[in-house]
Amino acid sequence: MVEYTDLIMCIGVLVLFLAFPAAVGAFSRGAPPRAAMLSLFAGGIMIVYANSSRPGGYTLDSLPSLFLKVITGA
């Protein structure tokens, strides 16, 4: 499972990014943001797992090249 840490990191960042519009939509409707909270939890767990599985972890500067590496497969 360690060989997929780059992919897990990218998916975690995307899930975390998409949780914010869900939270805003739920708050604007006056509904409890259950799906947004679940997405925040899942994305956070993925990011923590990927960061702790990789020696040295990830930095914010390495994220753009990481996304390119995952998308292009290079």
C-alpha atoms as a PDB file:
ATOM      1  CA  MET A   1       0.000   0.000   0.000  1.00  0.00           C
ATOM      2  CA  VAL A   2       2.969   2.314   0.472  1.00  0.00           C
ATOM      3  CA  GLU A   3       3.550   2.564  -3.274  1.00  0.00           C
ATOM      4  CA  TYR A   4       0.216   4.394  -3.641  1.00  0.00           C
ATOM      5  CA  THR A   5       0.937   7.206  -1.189  1.00  0.00           C
ATOM      6  CA  ASP A   6       1.200   9.837  -3.934  1.00  0.00           C
ATOM      7  CA  LEU A   7      -2.223   8.857  -5.266  1.00  0.00           C
ATOM      8  CA  ILE A   8      -3.726   8.782  -1.773  1.00  0.00           C
ATOM      9  CA  MET A   9      -2.325  12.245  -1.098  1.00  0.00           C
ATOM     10  CA  CYS A  10      -3.808  13.660  -4.306  1.00  0.00           C
ATOM     11  CA  ILE A  11      -7.215  12.097  -3.676  1.00  0.00           C
ATOM     12  CA  GLY A  12      -7.181  13.349  -0.087  1.00  0.00           C
ATOM     13  CA  VAL A  13      -6.438  16.910  -1.187  1.00  0.00           C
ATOM     14  CA  LEU A  14      -9.207  16.773  -3.810  1.00  0.00           C
ATOM     15  CA  VAL A  15     -11.751  15.369  -1.334  1.00  0.00           C
ATOM     16  CA  LEU A  16     -10.794  18.033   1.186  1.00  0.00           C
ATOM     17  CA  PHE A  17     -11.067  20.722  -1.488  1.00  0.00           C
ATOM     18  CA  LEU A  18     -14.544  19.543  -2.567  1.00  0.00           C
ATOM     19  CA  ALA A  19     -15.820  19.416   1.025  1.00  0.00           C
ATOM     20  CA  PHE A  20     -15.896  23.203   1.309  1.00  0.00           C
ATOM     21  CA  PRO A  21     -18.587  23.833  -1.344  1.00  0.00           C
ATOM     22  CA  ALA A  22     -20.667  21.066   0.240  1.00  0.00           C
ATOM     23  CA  ALA A  23     -20.356  22.734   3.638  1.00  0.00           C
ATOM     24  CA  VAL A  24     -21.299  26.151   2.271  1.00  0.00           C
ATOM     25  CA  GLY A  25     -24.310  24.674   0.486  1.00  0.00           C
ATOM     26  CA  ALA A  26     -25.495  22.885   3.604  1.00  0.00           C
ATOM     27  CA  PHE A  27     -25.109  25.977   5.762  1.00  0.00           C
ATOM     28  CA  SER A  28     -26.971  28.128   3.234  1.00  0.00           C
ATOM     29  CA  ARG A  29     -29.905  25.678   3.262  1.00  0.00           C
ATOM     30  CA  GLY A  30     -29.865  25.528   7.046  1.00  0.00           C
ATOM     31  CA  ALA A  31     -29.195  21.782   6.975  1.00  0.00           C
ATOM     32  CA  PRO A  32     -26.542  20.020   9.018  1.00  0.00           C
ATOM     33  CA  PRO A  33     -23.377  19.554   6.933  1.00  0.00           C
ATOM     34  CA  ARG A  34     -23.124  15.777   7.405  1.00  0.00           C
ATOM     35  CA  ALA A  35     -21.664  14.958   3.987  1.00  0.00           C
ATOM     36  CA  ALA A  36     -19.202  17.840   4.250  1.00  0.00           C
ATOM     37  CA  MET A  37     -18.012  16.699   7.662  1.00  0.00           C
ATOM     38  CA  LEU A  38     -17.597  13.137   6.414  1.00  0.00           C
ATOM     39  CA  SER A  39     -15.606  14.450   3.434  1.00  0.00           C
ATOM     40  CA  LEU A  40     -13.426  16.603   5.680  1.00  0.00           C
ATOM     41  CA  PHE A  41     -12.738  13.614   7.910  1.00  0.00           C
ATOM     42  CA  ALA A  42     -11.985  11.237   5.010  1.00  0.00           C
ATOM     43  CA  GLY A  43      -9.750  13.732   3.186  1.00  0.00           C
ATOM     44  CA  GLY A  44      -7.881  14.576   6.379  1.00  0.00           C
ATOM     45  CA  ILE A  45      -7.292  10.915   7.181  1.00  0.00           C
ATOM     46  CA  MET A  46      -5.965  10.304   3.651  1.00  0.00           C
ATOM     47  CA  ILE A  47      -3.580  13.253   3.890  1.00  0.00           C
ATOM     48  CA  VAL A  48      -2.298  12.240   7.330  1.00  0.00           C
ATOM     49  CA  TYR A  49      -1.823   8.625   6.223  1.00  0.00           C
ATOM     50  CA  ALA A  50       0.039   9.585   3.044  1.00  0.00           C
ATOM     51  CA  ASN A  51       2.208  12.125   4.844  1.00  0.00           C
ATOM     52  CA  SER A  52       3.144   9.687   7.594  1.00  0.00           C
ATOM     53  CA  SER A  53       3.822   6.816   5.158  1.00  0.00           C
ATOM     54  CA  ARG A  54       6.322   8.750   3.051  1.00  0.00           C
ATOM     55  CA  PRO A  55       9.788   9.270   4.541  1.00  0.00           C
ATOM     56  CA  GLY A  56      10.249  13.002   5.006  1.00  0.00           C
ATOM     57  CA  GLY A  57       6.584  13.713   4.271  1.00  0.00           C
ATOM     58  CA  TYR A  58       5.233  16.188   1.732  1.00  0.00           C
ATOM     59  CA  THR A  59       5.631  19.951   1.512  1.00  0.00           C
ATOM     60  CA  LEU A  60       3.307  22.515   0.018  1.00  0.00           C
ATOM     61  CA  ASP A  61       5.923  23.259  -2.630  1.00  0.00           C
ATOM     62  CA  SER A  62       5.916  19.650  -3.805  1.00  0.00           C
ATOM     63  CA  LEU A  63       2.133  19.370  -4.294  1.00  0.00           C
ATOM     64  CA  PRO A  64       1.936  20.791  -7.857  1.00  0.00           C
ATOM     65  CA  SER A  65       4.657  18.447  -9.095  1.00  0.00           C
ATOM     66  CA  LEU A  66       3.015  15.597  -7.191  1.00  0.00           C
ATOM     67  CA  PHE A  67      -0.299  16.183  -8.995  1.00  0.00           C
ATOM     68  CA  LEU A  68       1.489  16.302 -12.331  1.00  0.00           C
ATOM     69  CA  LYS A  69       3.325  13.082 -11.500  1.00  0.00           C
ATOM     70  CA  VAL A  70       0.090  11.300 -10.585  1.00  0.00           C
ATOM     71  CA  ILE A  71      -1.872  12.579 -13.603  1.00  0.00           C
ATOM     72  CA  THR A  72       0.812  11.912 -16.211  1.00  0.00           C
ATOM     73  CA  GLY A  73       2.173   8.745 -14.625  1.00  0.00           C
ATOM     74  CA  ALA A  74       5.745   9.929 -14.984  1.00  0.00           C
END
